[in-house]
Amino acid sequence: MTTLLPRDDDNTPNQPLRLKAGKAQSLSVTATSARNTTAFAADTRVIAVYATGPSFIRSGDSTVEAAATDHYLPGGTYLYLSLGQGKAGRDTHLAAIRVSADVTLYISEMA
């Protein structure tokens, strides 16, 4: 399984944050845009995402929709995303749409 985390001298990935208890979600990603129904916790600044196959993703508010022109997430790769904060605002939801076949997208809130 591929990861983009920094590695230590033994080539072991270092996870800089911990998983938040009770803050895991999953999405069935199909040809129609889907988003998480529960907003991310107000204190969550980073999420980890993993998809069982390739998809396109987009973060935003409770109305966000993904399209084939959005960010490509390769299947089988963990990606850590900042939700933003401050004057730029903070994203509360993640939307996804499949590339070619239906997949499952897993979202973990980090602390």
PDB file of N, CA and C in Angstrom:
ATOM      1  N   MET A   1       0.842  -1.169   0.000  1.00  0.00           N
ATOM      2  CA  MET A   1       0.000   0.000   0.000  1.00  0.00           C
ATOM      3  C   MET A   1       0.891   1.237   0.000  1.00  0.00           C
ATOM      4  N   THR A   2       0.594   2.178  -0.846  1.00  0.00           N
ATOM      5  CA  THR A   2       1.392   3.387  -0.995  1.00  0.00           C
ATOM      6  C   THR A   2       0.989   4.425   0.040  1.00  0.00           C
ATOM      7  N   THR A   3       1.976   5.151   0.573  1.00  0.00           N
ATOM      8  CA  THR A   3       1.710   6.263   1.478  1.00  0.00           C
ATOM      9  C   THR A   3       2.633   7.413   1.123  1.00  0.00           C
ATOM     10  N   LEU A   4       2.186   8.625   1.368  1.00  0.00           N
ATOM     11  CA  LEU A   4       2.986   9.806   1.084  1.00  0.00           C
ATOM     12  C   LEU A   4       3.474  10.460   2.371  1.00  0.00           C
ATOM     13  N   LEU A   5       3.489   9.716   3.463  1.00  0.00           N
ATOM     14  CA  LEU A   5       3.957  10.236   4.747  1.00  0.00           C
ATOM     15  C   LEU A   5       5.473  10.357   4.758  1.00  0.00           C
ATOM     16  N   PRO A   6       6.003  11.285   5.586  1.00  0.00           N
ATOM     17  CA  PRO A   6       7.457  11.315   5.761  1.00  0.00           C
ATOM     18  C   PRO A   6       7.923  10.012   6.404  1.00  0.00           C
ATOM     19  N   ARG A   7       9.184   9.653   6.170  1.00  0.00           N
ATOM     20  CA  ARG A   7       9.724   8.394   6.698  1.00  0.00           C
ATOM     21  C   ARG A   7      10.921   8.655   7.601  1.00  0.00           C
ATOM     22  N   ASP A   8      11.108   7.768   8.595  1.00  0.00           N
ATOM     23  CA  ASP A   8      12.257   7.891   9.485  1.00  0.00           C
ATOM     24  C   ASP A   8      13.466   7.175   8.884  1.00  0.00           C
ATOM     25  N   ASP A   9      14.562   7.074   9.665  1.00  0.00           N
ATOM     26  CA  ASP A   9      15.793   6.462   9.166  1.00  0.00           C
ATOM     27  C   ASP A   9      15.638   4.982   8.824  1.00  0.00           C
ATOM     28  N   ASP A  10      14.614   4.329   9.390  1.00  0.00           N
ATOM     29  CA  ASP A  10      14.348   2.924   9.082  1.00  0.00           C
ATOM     30  C   ASP A  10      13.334   2.780   7.946  1.00  0.00           C
ATOM     31  N   ASN A  11      13.022   3.899   7.282  1.00  0.00           N
ATOM     32  CA  ASN A  11      12.073   3.938   6.177  1.00  0.00           C
ATOM     33  C   ASN A  11      10.645   3.598   6.615  1.00  0.00           C
ATOM     34  N   THR A  12      10.338   3.842   7.893  1.00  0.00           N
ATOM     35  CA  THR A  12       9.005   3.614   8.431  1.00  0.00           C
ATOM     36  C   THR A  12       8.209   4.915   8.347  1.00  0.00           C
ATOM     37  N   PRO A  13       6.980   4.882   7.800  1.00  0.00           N
ATOM     38  CA  PRO A  13       6.185   6.108   7.724  1.00  0.00           C
ATOM     39  C   PRO A  13       5.866   6.664   9.113  1.00  0.00           C
ATOM     40  N   ASN A  14       5.973   7.981   9.258  1.00  0.00           N
ATOM     41  CA  ASN A  14       5.642   8.666  10.505  1.00  0.00           C
ATOM     42  C   ASN A  14       4.292   9.342  10.353  1.00  0.00           C
ATOM     43  N   GLN A  15       3.343   8.952  11.176  1.00  0.00           N
ATOM     44  CA  GLN A  15       2.043   9.610  11.139  1.00  0.00           C
ATOM     45  C   GLN A  15       2.080  10.778  12.108  1.00  0.00           C
ATOM     46  N   PRO A  16       1.989  12.014  11.612  1.00  0.00           N
ATOM     47  CA  PRO A  16       2.146  13.179  12.464  1.00  0.00           C
ATOM     48  C   PRO A  16       0.944  13.462  13.353  1.00  0.00           C
ATOM     49  N   LEU A  17      -0.203  12.893  13.066  1.00  0.00           N
ATOM     50  CA  LEU A  17      -1.421  13.132  13.824  1.00  0.00           C
ATOM     51  C   LEU A  17      -2.036  11.803  14.221  1.00  0.00           C
ATOM     52  N   ARG A  18      -2.996  11.856  15.131  1.00  0.00           N
ATOM     53  CA  ARG A  18      -3.679  10.625  15.532  1.00  0.00           C
ATOM     54  C   ARG A  18      -5.083  10.601  14.951  1.00  0.00           C
ATOM     55  N   LEU A  19      -5.650   9.420  14.867  1.00  0.00           N
ATOM     56  CA  LEU A  19      -7.024   9.263  14.410  1.00  0.00           C
ATOM     57  C   LEU A  19      -7.976   9.710  15.513  1.00  0.00           C
ATOM     58  N   LYS A  20      -9.031  10.432  15.163  1.00  0.00           N
ATOM     59  CA  LYS A  20     -10.028  10.869  16.135  1.00  0.00           C
ATOM     60  C   LYS A  20     -11.057   9.757  16.312  1.00  0.00           C
ATOM     61  N   ALA A  21     -11.277   9.352  17.549  1.00  0.00           N
ATOM     62  CA  ALA A  21     -12.238   8.294  17.847  1.00  0.00           C
ATOM     63  C   ALA A  21     -13.633   8.689  17.371  1.00  0.00           C
ATOM     64  N   GLY A  22     -14.308   7.766  16.703  1.00  0.00           N
ATOM     65  CA  GLY A  22     -15.668   7.994  16.249  1.00  0.00           C
ATOM     66  C   GLY A  22     -15.803   8.943  15.073  1.00  0.00           C
ATOM     67  N   LYS A  23     -14.699   9.264  14.417  1.00  0.00           N
ATOM     68  CA  LYS A  23     -14.734  10.244  13.329  1.00  0.00           C
ATOM     69  C   LYS A  23     -14.294   9.642  11.996  1.00  0.00           C
ATOM     70  N   ALA A  24     -14.690   8.409  11.736  1.00  0.00           N
ATOM     71  CA  ALA A  24     -14.422   7.760  10.449  1.00  0.00           C
ATOM     72  C   ALA A  24     -15.718   7.730   9.644  1.00  0.00           C
ATOM     73  N   GLN A  25     -15.600   7.966   8.351  1.00  0.00           N
ATOM     74  CA  GLN A  25     -16.756   7.934   7.460  1.00  0.00           C
ATOM     75  C   GLN A  25     -16.367   7.191   6.184  1.00  0.00           C
ATOM     76  N   SER A  26     -17.360   6.716   5.465  1.00  0.00           N
ATOM     77  CA  SER A  26     -17.087   6.117   4.157  1.00  0.00           C
ATOM     78  C   SER A  26     -18.157   6.574   3.176  1.00  0.00           C
ATOM     79  N   LEU A  27     -17.754   6.623   1.917  1.00  0.00           N
ATOM     80  CA  LEU A  27     -18.661   7.028   0.843  1.00  0.00           C
ATOM     81  C   LEU A  27     -18.676   5.963  -0.236  1.00  0.00           C
ATOM     82  N   SER A  28     -19.836   5.672  -0.754  1.00  0.00           N
ATOM     83  CA  SER A  28     -19.937   4.862  -1.965  1.00  0.00           C
ATOM     84  C   SER A  28     -19.797   5.827  -3.132  1.00  0.00           C
ATOM     85  N   VAL A  29     -18.736   5.657  -3.908  1.00  0.00           N
ATOM     86  CA  VAL A  29     -18.425   6.588  -4.992  1.00  0.00           C
ATOM     87  C   VAL A  29     -18.862   5.961  -6.313  1.00  0.00           C
ATOM     88  N   THR A  30     -19.773   6.642  -6.981  1.00  0.00           N
ATOM     89  CA  THR A  30     -20.357   6.143  -8.230  1.00  0.00           C
ATOM     90  C   THR A  30     -20.223   7.214  -9.320  1.00  0.00           C
ATOM     91  N   ALA A  31     -21.003   7.083 -10.370  1.00  0.00           N
ATOM     92  CA  ALA A  31     -20.975   8.046 -11.472  1.00  0.00           C
ATOM     93  C   ALA A  31     -21.636   9.374 -11.106  1.00  0.00           C
ATOM     94  N   THR A  32     -22.322   9.409  -9.966  1.00  0.00           N
ATOM     95  CA  THR A  32     -22.954  10.630  -9.465  1.00  0.00           C
ATOM     96  C   THR A  32     -22.174  11.117  -8.253  1.00  0.00           C
ATOM     97  N   SER A  33     -21.909  12.408  -8.173  1.00  0.00           N
ATOM     98  CA  SER A  33     -21.152  12.960  -7.053  1.00  0.00           C
ATOM     99  C   SER A  33     -21.803  12.598  -5.717  1.00  0.00           C
ATOM    100  N   ALA A  34     -20.970  12.199  -4.751  1.00  0.00           N
ATOM    101  CA  ALA A  34     -21.425  11.883  -3.392  1.00  0.00           C
ATOM    102  C   ALA A  34     -20.552  12.652  -2.409  1.00  0.00           C
ATOM    103  N   ARG A  35     -21.115  13.008  -1.259  1.00  0.00           N
ATOM    104  CA  ARG A  35     -20.332  13.700  -0.224  1.00  0.00           C
ATOM    105  C   ARG A  35     -20.702  13.135   1.138  1.00  0.00           C
ATOM    106  N   ASN A  36     -19.809  13.353   2.105  1.00  0.00           N
ATOM    107  CA  ASN A  36     -20.097  12.904   3.459  1.00  0.00           C
ATOM    108  C   ASN A  36     -21.316  13.662   3.988  1.00  0.00           C
ATOM    109  N   THR A  37     -22.215  12.937   4.667  1.00  0.00           N
ATOM    110  CA  THR A  37     -23.440  13.557   5.168  1.00  0.00           C
ATOM    111  C   THR A  37     -23.221  14.282   6.486  1.00  0.00           C
ATOM    112  N   THR A  38     -22.255  13.836   7.264  1.00  0.00           N
ATOM    113  CA  THR A  38     -21.940  14.469   8.542  1.00  0.00           C
ATOM    114  C   THR A  38     -20.752  15.394   8.363  1.00  0.00           C
ATOM    115  N   ALA A  39     -20.924  16.656   8.730  1.00  0.00           N
ATOM    116  CA  ALA A  39     -19.829  17.627   8.617  1.00  0.00           C
ATOM    117  C   ALA A  39     -18.660  17.210   9.501  1.00  0.00           C
ATOM    118  N   PHE A  40     -17.453  17.571   9.084  1.00  0.00           N
ATOM    119  CA  PHE A  40     -16.280  17.317   9.909  1.00  0.00           C
ATOM    120  C   PHE A  40     -16.393  18.132  11.191  1.00  0.00           C
ATOM    121  N   ALA A  41     -15.859  17.611  12.292  1.00  0.00           N
ATOM    122  CA  ALA A  41     -15.903  18.308  13.580  1.00  0.00           C
ATOM    123  C   ALA A  41     -15.260  19.689  13.454  1.00  0.00           C
ATOM    124  N   ALA A  42     -15.766  20.643  14.220  1.00  0.00           N
ATOM    125  CA  ALA A  42     -15.293  22.030  14.138  1.00  0.00           C
ATOM    126  C   ALA A  42     -13.806  22.163  14.423  1.00  0.00           C
ATOM    127  N   ASP A  43     -13.252  21.247  15.222  1.00  0.00           N
ATOM    128  CA  ASP A  43     -11.824  21.339  15.559  1.00  0.00           C
ATOM    129  C   ASP A  43     -10.934  20.487  14.653  1.00  0.00           C
ATOM    130  N   THR A  44     -11.510  19.834  13.653  1.00  0.00           N
ATOM    131  CA  THR A  44     -10.716  19.024  12.723  1.00  0.00           C
ATOM    132  C   THR A  44     -10.093  19.926  11.667  1.00  0.00           C
ATOM    133  N   ARG A  45      -8.777  19.833  11.531  1.00  0.00           N
ATOM    134  CA  ARG A  45      -8.056  20.636  10.542  1.00  0.00           C
ATOM    135  C   ARG A  45      -7.477  19.784   9.415  1.00  0.00           C
ATOM    136  N   VAL A  46      -7.327  18.459   9.661  1.00  0.00           N
ATOM    137  CA  VAL A  46      -6.717  17.558   8.682  1.00  0.00           C
ATOM    138  C   VAL A  46      -7.563  16.292   8.594  1.00  0.00           C
ATOM    139  N   ILE A  47      -7.740  15.800   7.363  1.00  0.00           N
ATOM    140  CA  ILE A  47      -8.388  14.508   7.151  1.00  0.00           C
ATOM    141  C   ILE A  47      -7.449  13.617   6.348  1.00  0.00           C
ATOM    142  N   ALA A  48      -7.613  12.316   6.520  1.00  0.00           N
ATOM    143  CA  ALA A  48      -6.910  11.330   5.698  1.00  0.00           C
ATOM    144  C   ALA A  48      -7.969  10.664   4.831  1.00  0.00           C
ATOM    145  N   VAL A  49      -7.662  10.482   3.546  1.00  0.00           N
ATOM    146  CA  VAL A  49      -8.598   9.817   2.643  1.00  0.00           C
ATOM    147  C   VAL A  49      -7.900   8.651   1.947  1.00  0.00           C
ATOM    148  N   TYR A  50      -8.677   7.621   1.680  1.00  0.00           N
ATOM    149  CA  TYR A  50      -8.187   6.428   0.990  1.00  0.00           C
ATOM    150  C   TYR A  50      -9.342   5.893   0.151  1.00  0.00           C
ATOM    151  N   ALA A  51      -9.087   5.597  -1.102  1.00  0.00           N
ATOM    152  CA  ALA A  51     -10.119   5.039  -1.975  1.00  0.00           C
ATOM    153  C   ALA A  51      -9.668   3.678  -2.501  1.00  0.00           C
ATOM    154  N   THR A  52     -10.626   2.778  -2.669  1.00  0.00           N
ATOM    155  CA  THR A  52     -10.320   1.434  -3.159  1.00  0.00           C
ATOM    156  C   THR A  52     -10.026   1.413  -4.652  1.00  0.00           C
ATOM    157  N   GLY A  53     -10.288   2.513  -5.315  1.00  0.00           N
ATOM    158  CA  GLY A  53      -9.996   2.671  -6.735  1.00  0.00           C
ATOM    159  C   GLY A  53      -9.884   4.153  -7.041  1.00  0.00           C
ATOM    160  N   PRO A  54      -9.528   4.517  -8.269  1.00  0.00           N
ATOM    161  CA  PRO A  54      -9.342   5.926  -8.595  1.00  0.00           C
ATOM    162  C   PRO A  54     -10.651   6.717  -8.549  1.00  0.00           C
ATOM    163  N   SER A  55     -10.532   7.976  -8.118  1.00  0.00           N
ATOM    164  CA  SER A  55     -11.691   8.863  -8.050  1.00  0.00           C
ATOM    165  C   SER A  55     -11.232  10.310  -8.181  1.00  0.00           C
ATOM    166  N   PHE A  56     -12.186  11.201  -8.339  1.00  0.00           N
ATOM    167  CA  PHE A  56     -11.930  12.639  -8.333  1.00  0.00           C
ATOM    168  C   PHE A  56     -12.560  13.197  -7.064  1.00  0.00           C
ATOM    169  N   ILE A  57     -11.855  14.095  -6.369  1.00  0.00           N
ATOM    170  CA  ILE A  57     -12.352  14.615  -5.099  1.00  0.00           C
ATOM    171  C   ILE A  57     -12.328  16.141  -5.086  1.00  0.00           C
ATOM    172  N   ARG A  58     -13.198  16.692  -4.239  1.00  0.00           N
ATOM    173  CA  ARG A  58     -13.253  18.144  -4.048  1.00  0.00           C
ATOM    174  C   ARG A  58     -13.767  18.418  -2.644  1.00  0.00           C
ATOM    175  N   SER A  59     -13.109  19.313  -1.922  1.00  0.00           N
ATOM    176  CA  SER A  59     -13.573  19.686  -0.588  1.00  0.00           C
ATOM    177  C   SER A  59     -14.343  20.996  -0.665  1.00  0.00           C
ATOM    178  N   GLY A  60     -15.224  21.209   0.306  1.00  0.00           N
ATOM    179  CA  GLY A  60     -16.025  22.429   0.326  1.00  0.00           C
ATOM    180  C   GLY A  60     -17.036  22.394   1.454  1.00  0.00           C
ATOM    181  N   ASP A  61     -18.169  23.062   1.234  1.00  0.00           N
ATOM    182  CA  ASP A  61     -19.203  23.117   2.262  1.00  0.00           C
ATOM    183  C   ASP A  61     -20.231  22.000   2.036  1.00  0.00           C
ATOM    184  N   SER A  62     -21.386  22.133   2.669  1.00  0.00           N
ATOM    185  CA  SER A  62     -22.393  21.066   2.604  1.00  0.00           C
ATOM    186  C   SER A  62     -23.055  20.919   1.236  1.00  0.00           C
ATOM    187  N   THR A  63     -22.702  21.787   0.288  1.00  0.00           N
ATOM    188  CA  THR A  63     -23.260  21.678  -1.066  1.00  0.00           C
ATOM    189  C   THR A  63     -22.223  21.245  -2.100  1.00  0.00           C
ATOM    190  N   VAL A  64     -21.001  20.945  -1.665  1.00  0.00           N
ATOM    191  CA  VAL A  64     -19.914  20.629  -2.599  1.00  0.00           C
ATOM    192  C   VAL A  64     -20.268  19.413  -3.461  1.00  0.00           C
ATOM    193  N   GLU A  65     -19.893  19.482  -4.731  1.00  0.00           N
ATOM    194  CA  GLU A  65     -20.059  18.365  -5.656  1.00  0.00           C
ATOM    195  C   GLU A  65     -18.751  18.148  -6.404  1.00  0.00           C
ATOM    196  N   ALA A  66     -18.421  16.902  -6.666  1.00  0.00           N
ATOM    197  CA  ALA A  66     -17.199  16.567  -7.401  1.00  0.00           C
ATOM    198  C   ALA A  66     -17.525  16.366  -8.874  1.00  0.00           C
ATOM    199  N   ALA A  67     -16.516  16.628  -9.706  1.00  0.00           N
ATOM    200  CA  ALA A  67     -16.644  16.438 -11.154  1.00  0.00           C
ATOM    201  C   ALA A  67     -15.354  15.812 -11.678  1.00  0.00           C
ATOM    202  N   ALA A  68     -15.396  15.329 -12.889  1.00  0.00           N
ATOM    203  CA  ALA A  68     -14.220  14.690 -13.500  1.00  0.00           C
ATOM    204  C   ALA A  68     -13.084  15.672 -13.745  1.00  0.00           C
ATOM    205  N   THR A  69     -13.316  16.945 -13.540  1.00  0.00           N
ATOM    206  CA  THR A  69     -12.267  17.965 -13.682  1.00  0.00           C
ATOM    207  C   THR A  69     -11.618  18.314 -12.348  1.00  0.00           C
ATOM    208  N   ASP A  70     -12.048  17.660 -11.255  1.00  0.00           N
ATOM    209  CA  ASP A  70     -11.489  17.936  -9.926  1.00  0.00           C
ATOM    210  C   ASP A  70     -10.219  17.128  -9.680  1.00  0.00           C
ATOM    211  N   HIS A  71      -9.740  17.165  -8.451  1.00  0.00           N
ATOM    212  CA  HIS A  71      -8.458  16.541  -8.103  1.00  0.00           C
ATOM    213  C   HIS A  71      -8.545  15.020  -8.184  1.00  0.00           C
ATOM    214  N   TYR A  72      -7.567  14.428  -8.855  1.00  0.00           N
ATOM    215  CA  TYR A  72      -7.503  12.977  -9.049  1.00  0.00           C
ATOM    216  C   TYR A  72      -6.883  12.325  -7.819  1.00  0.00           C
ATOM    217  N   LEU A  73      -7.558  11.319  -7.284  1.00  0.00           N
ATOM    218  CA  LEU A  73      -7.037  10.520  -6.176  1.00  0.00           C
ATOM    219  C   LEU A  73      -6.820   9.107  -6.696  1.00  0.00           C
ATOM    220  N   PRO A  74      -5.552   8.671  -6.809  1.00  0.00           N
ATOM    221  CA  PRO A  74      -5.309   7.301  -7.270  1.00  0.00           C
ATOM    222  C   PRO A  74      -5.836   6.293  -6.251  1.00  0.00           C
ATOM    223  N   GLY A  75      -6.309   5.171  -6.708  1.00  0.00           N
ATOM    224  CA  GLY A  75      -6.755   4.128  -5.798  1.00  0.00           C
ATOM    225  C   GLY A  75      -5.585   3.543  -5.024  1.00  0.00           C
ATOM    226  N   GLY A  76      -5.851   3.126  -3.785  1.00  0.00           N
ATOM    227  CA  GLY A  76      -4.829   2.470  -2.981  1.00  0.00           C
ATOM    228  C   GLY A  76      -3.780   3.394  -2.396  1.00  0.00           C
ATOM    229  N   THR A  77      -4.044   4.695  -2.349  1.00  0.00           N
ATOM    230  CA  THR A  77      -3.086   5.665  -1.809  1.00  0.00           C
ATOM    231  C   THR A  77      -3.748   6.496  -0.723  1.00  0.00           C
ATOM    232  N   TYR A  78      -3.079   6.633   0.421  1.00  0.00           N
ATOM    233  CA  TYR A  78      -3.556   7.547   1.462  1.00  0.00           C
ATOM    234  C   TYR A  78      -3.145   8.961   1.102  1.00  0.00           C
ATOM    235  N   LEU A  79      -4.046   9.908   1.318  1.00  0.00           N
ATOM    236  CA  LEU A  79      -3.762  11.317   1.084  1.00  0.00           C
ATOM    237  C   LEU A  79      -4.238  12.094   2.303  1.00  0.00           C
ATOM    238  N   TYR A  80      -3.394  12.984   2.795  1.00  0.00           N
ATOM    239  CA  TYR A  80      -3.729  13.823   3.945  1.00  0.00           C
ATOM    240  C   TYR A  80      -4.030  15.221   3.441  1.00  0.00           C
ATOM    241  N   LEU A  81      -5.187  15.761   3.820  1.00  0.00           N
ATOM    242  CA  LEU A  81      -5.645  17.052   3.321  1.00  0.00           C
ATOM    243  C   LEU A  81      -5.928  18.016   4.463  1.00  0.00           C
ATOM    244  N   SER A  82      -5.511  19.260   4.301  1.00  0.00           N
ATOM    245  CA  SER A  82      -5.877  20.322   5.231  1.00  0.00           C
ATOM    246  C   SER A  82      -7.270  20.815   4.867  1.00  0.00           C
ATOM    247  N   LEU A  83      -8.086  21.062   5.873  1.00  0.00           N
ATOM    248  CA  LEU A  83      -9.422  21.597   5.632  1.00  0.00           C
ATOM    249  C   LEU A  83      -9.429  23.113   5.617  1.00  0.00           C
ATOM    250  N   GLY A  84      -8.274  23.731   5.923  1.00  0.00           N
ATOM    251  CA  GLY A  84      -8.183  25.183   5.952  1.00  0.00           C
ATOM    252  C   GLY A  84      -8.651  25.740   7.282  1.00  0.00           C
ATOM    253  N   GLN A  85      -8.466  27.031   7.443  1.00  0.00           N
ATOM    254  CA  GLN A  85      -8.906  27.728   8.651  1.00  0.00           C
ATOM    255  C   GLN A  85      -8.661  29.218   8.467  1.00  0.00           C
ATOM    256  N   GLY A  86      -9.030  30.004   9.452  1.00  0.00           N
ATOM    257  CA  GLY A  86      -8.776  31.440   9.394  1.00  0.00           C
ATOM    258  C   GLY A  86      -9.629  32.163   8.369  1.00  0.00           C
ATOM    259  N   LYS A  87      -9.086  33.229   7.812  1.00  0.00           N
ATOM    260  CA  LYS A  87      -9.824  34.086   6.877  1.00  0.00           C
ATOM    261  C   LYS A  87     -10.244  33.354   5.607  1.00  0.00           C
ATOM    262  N   ALA A  88      -9.469  32.359   5.210  1.00  0.00           N
ATOM    263  CA  ALA A  88      -9.790  31.610   3.988  1.00  0.00           C
ATOM    264  C   ALA A  88     -10.991  30.694   4.185  1.00  0.00           C
ATOM    265  N   GLY A  89     -11.396  30.496   5.431  1.00  0.00           N
ATOM    266  CA  GLY A  89     -12.513  29.604   5.715  1.00  0.00           C
ATOM    267  C   GLY A  89     -12.056  28.169   5.887  1.00  0.00           C
ATOM    268  N   ARG A  90     -12.991  27.307   6.199  1.00  0.00           N
ATOM    269  CA  ARG A  90     -12.680  25.916   6.483  1.00  0.00           C
ATOM    270  C   ARG A  90     -13.700  25.029   5.783  1.00  0.00           C
ATOM    271  N   ASP A  91     -13.205  24.000   5.104  1.00  0.00           N
ATOM    272  CA  ASP A  91     -14.086  23.050   4.431  1.00  0.00           C
ATOM    273  C   ASP A  91     -14.698  22.096   5.449  1.00  0.00           C
ATOM    274  N   THR A  92     -15.951  21.732   5.237  1.00  0.00           N
ATOM    275  CA  THR A  92     -16.665  20.852   6.162  1.00  0.00           C
ATOM    276  C   THR A  92     -17.058  19.518   5.542  1.00  0.00           C
ATOM    277  N   HIS A  93     -16.912  19.406   4.221  1.00  0.00           N
ATOM    278  CA  HIS A  93     -17.343  18.197   3.520  1.00  0.00           C
ATOM    279  C   HIS A  93     -16.362  17.843   2.402  1.00  0.00           C
ATOM    280  N   LEU A  94     -16.424  16.592   1.970  1.00  0.00           N
ATOM    281  CA  LEU A  94     -15.619  16.109   0.848  1.00  0.00           C
ATOM    282  C   LEU A  94     -16.556  15.384  -0.113  1.00  0.00           C
ATOM    283  N   ALA A  95     -16.446  15.720  -1.387  1.00  0.00           N
ATOM    284  CA  ALA A  95     -17.255  15.062  -2.417  1.00  0.00           C
ATOM    285  C   ALA A  95     -16.342  14.251  -3.325  1.00  0.00           C
ATOM    286  N   ALA A  96     -16.890  13.191  -3.905  1.00  0.00           N
ATOM    287  CA  ALA A  96     -16.106  12.331  -4.800  1.00  0.00           C
ATOM    288  C   ALA A  96     -17.002  11.791  -5.907  1.00  0.00           C
ATOM    289  N   ILE A  97     -16.360  11.494  -7.026  1.00  0.00           N
ATOM    290  CA  ILE A  97     -17.019  10.851  -8.161  1.00  0.00           C
ATOM    291  C   ILE A  97     -16.027   9.844  -8.748  1.00  0.00           C
ATOM    292  N   ARG A  98     -16.522   8.726  -9.232  1.00  0.00           N
ATOM    293  CA  ARG A  98     -15.634   7.668  -9.731  1.00  0.00           C
ATOM    294  C   ARG A  98     -14.959   8.076 -11.038  1.00  0.00           C
ATOM    295  N   VAL A  99     -13.854   7.400 -11.348  1.00  0.00           N
ATOM    296  CA  VAL A  99     -13.204   7.565 -12.645  1.00  0.00           C
ATOM    297  C   VAL A  99     -13.879   6.647 -13.662  1.00  0.00           C
ATOM    298  N   SER A 100     -13.967   5.341 -13.343  1.00  0.00           N
ATOM    299  CA  SER A 100     -14.600   4.417 -14.285  1.00  0.00           C
ATOM    300  C   SER A 100     -15.451   3.349 -13.601  1.00  0.00           C
ATOM    301  N   ALA A 101     -15.031   2.867 -12.442  1.00  0.00           N
ATOM    302  CA  ALA A 101     -15.776   1.840 -11.715  1.00  0.00           C
ATOM    303  C   ALA A 101     -16.114   2.358 -10.317  1.00  0.00           C
ATOM    304  N   ASP A 102     -17.215   1.873  -9.754  1.00  0.00           N
ATOM    305  CA  ASP A 102     -17.600   2.269  -8.401  1.00  0.00           C
ATOM    306  C   ASP A 102     -16.518   1.871  -7.403  1.00  0.00           C
ATOM    307  N   VAL A 103     -16.270   2.737  -6.419  1.00  0.00           N
ATOM    308  CA  VAL A 103     -15.266   2.483  -5.383  1.00  0.00           C
ATOM    309  C   VAL A 103     -15.822   2.929  -4.037  1.00  0.00           C
ATOM    310  N   THR A 104     -15.095   2.624  -2.987  1.00  0.00           N
ATOM    311  CA  THR A 104     -15.409   3.127  -1.651  1.00  0.00           C
ATOM    312  C   THR A 104     -14.309   4.083  -1.236  1.00  0.00           C
ATOM    313  N   LEU A 105     -14.702   5.234  -0.706  1.00  0.00           N
ATOM    314  CA  LEU A 105     -13.766   6.238  -0.208  1.00  0.00           C
ATOM    315  C   LEU A 105     -13.894   6.273   1.307  1.00  0.00           C
ATOM    316  N   TYR A 106     -12.770   6.133   1.992  1.00  0.00           N
ATOM    317  CA  TYR A 106     -12.738   6.177   3.450  1.00  0.00           C
ATOM    318  C   TYR A 106     -12.143   7.503   3.895  1.00  0.00           C
ATOM    319  N   ILE A 107     -12.778   8.143   4.863  1.00  0.00           N
ATOM    320  CA  ILE A 107     -12.336   9.439   5.373  1.00  0.00           C
ATOM    321  C   ILE A 107     -12.113   9.307   6.874  1.00  0.00           C
ATOM    322  N   SER A 108     -10.934   9.724   7.340  1.00  0.00           N
ATOM    323  CA  SER A 108     -10.616   9.720   8.766  1.00  0.00           C
ATOM    324  C   SER A 108     -10.261  11.129   9.204  1.00  0.00           C
ATOM    325  N   GLU A 109     -10.929  11.612  10.249  1.00  0.00           N
ATOM    326  CA  GLU A 109     -10.569  12.904  10.816  1.00  0.00           C
ATOM    327  C   GLU A 109      -9.362  12.703  11.724  1.00  0.00           C
ATOM    328  N   MET A 110      -8.429  13.650  11.659  1.00  0.00           N
ATOM    329  CA  MET A 110      -7.174  13.544  12.400  1.00  0.00           C
ATOM    330  C   MET A 110      -7.122  14.620  13.486  1.00  0.00           C
ATOM    331  N   ALA A 111      -6.386  14.316  14.555  1.00  0.00           N
ATOM    332  CA  ALA A 111      -6.202  15.295  15.641  1.00  0.00           C
ATOM    333  C   ALA A 111      -4.742  15.389  16.002  1.00  0.00           C
TER     334      ALA A 111
END
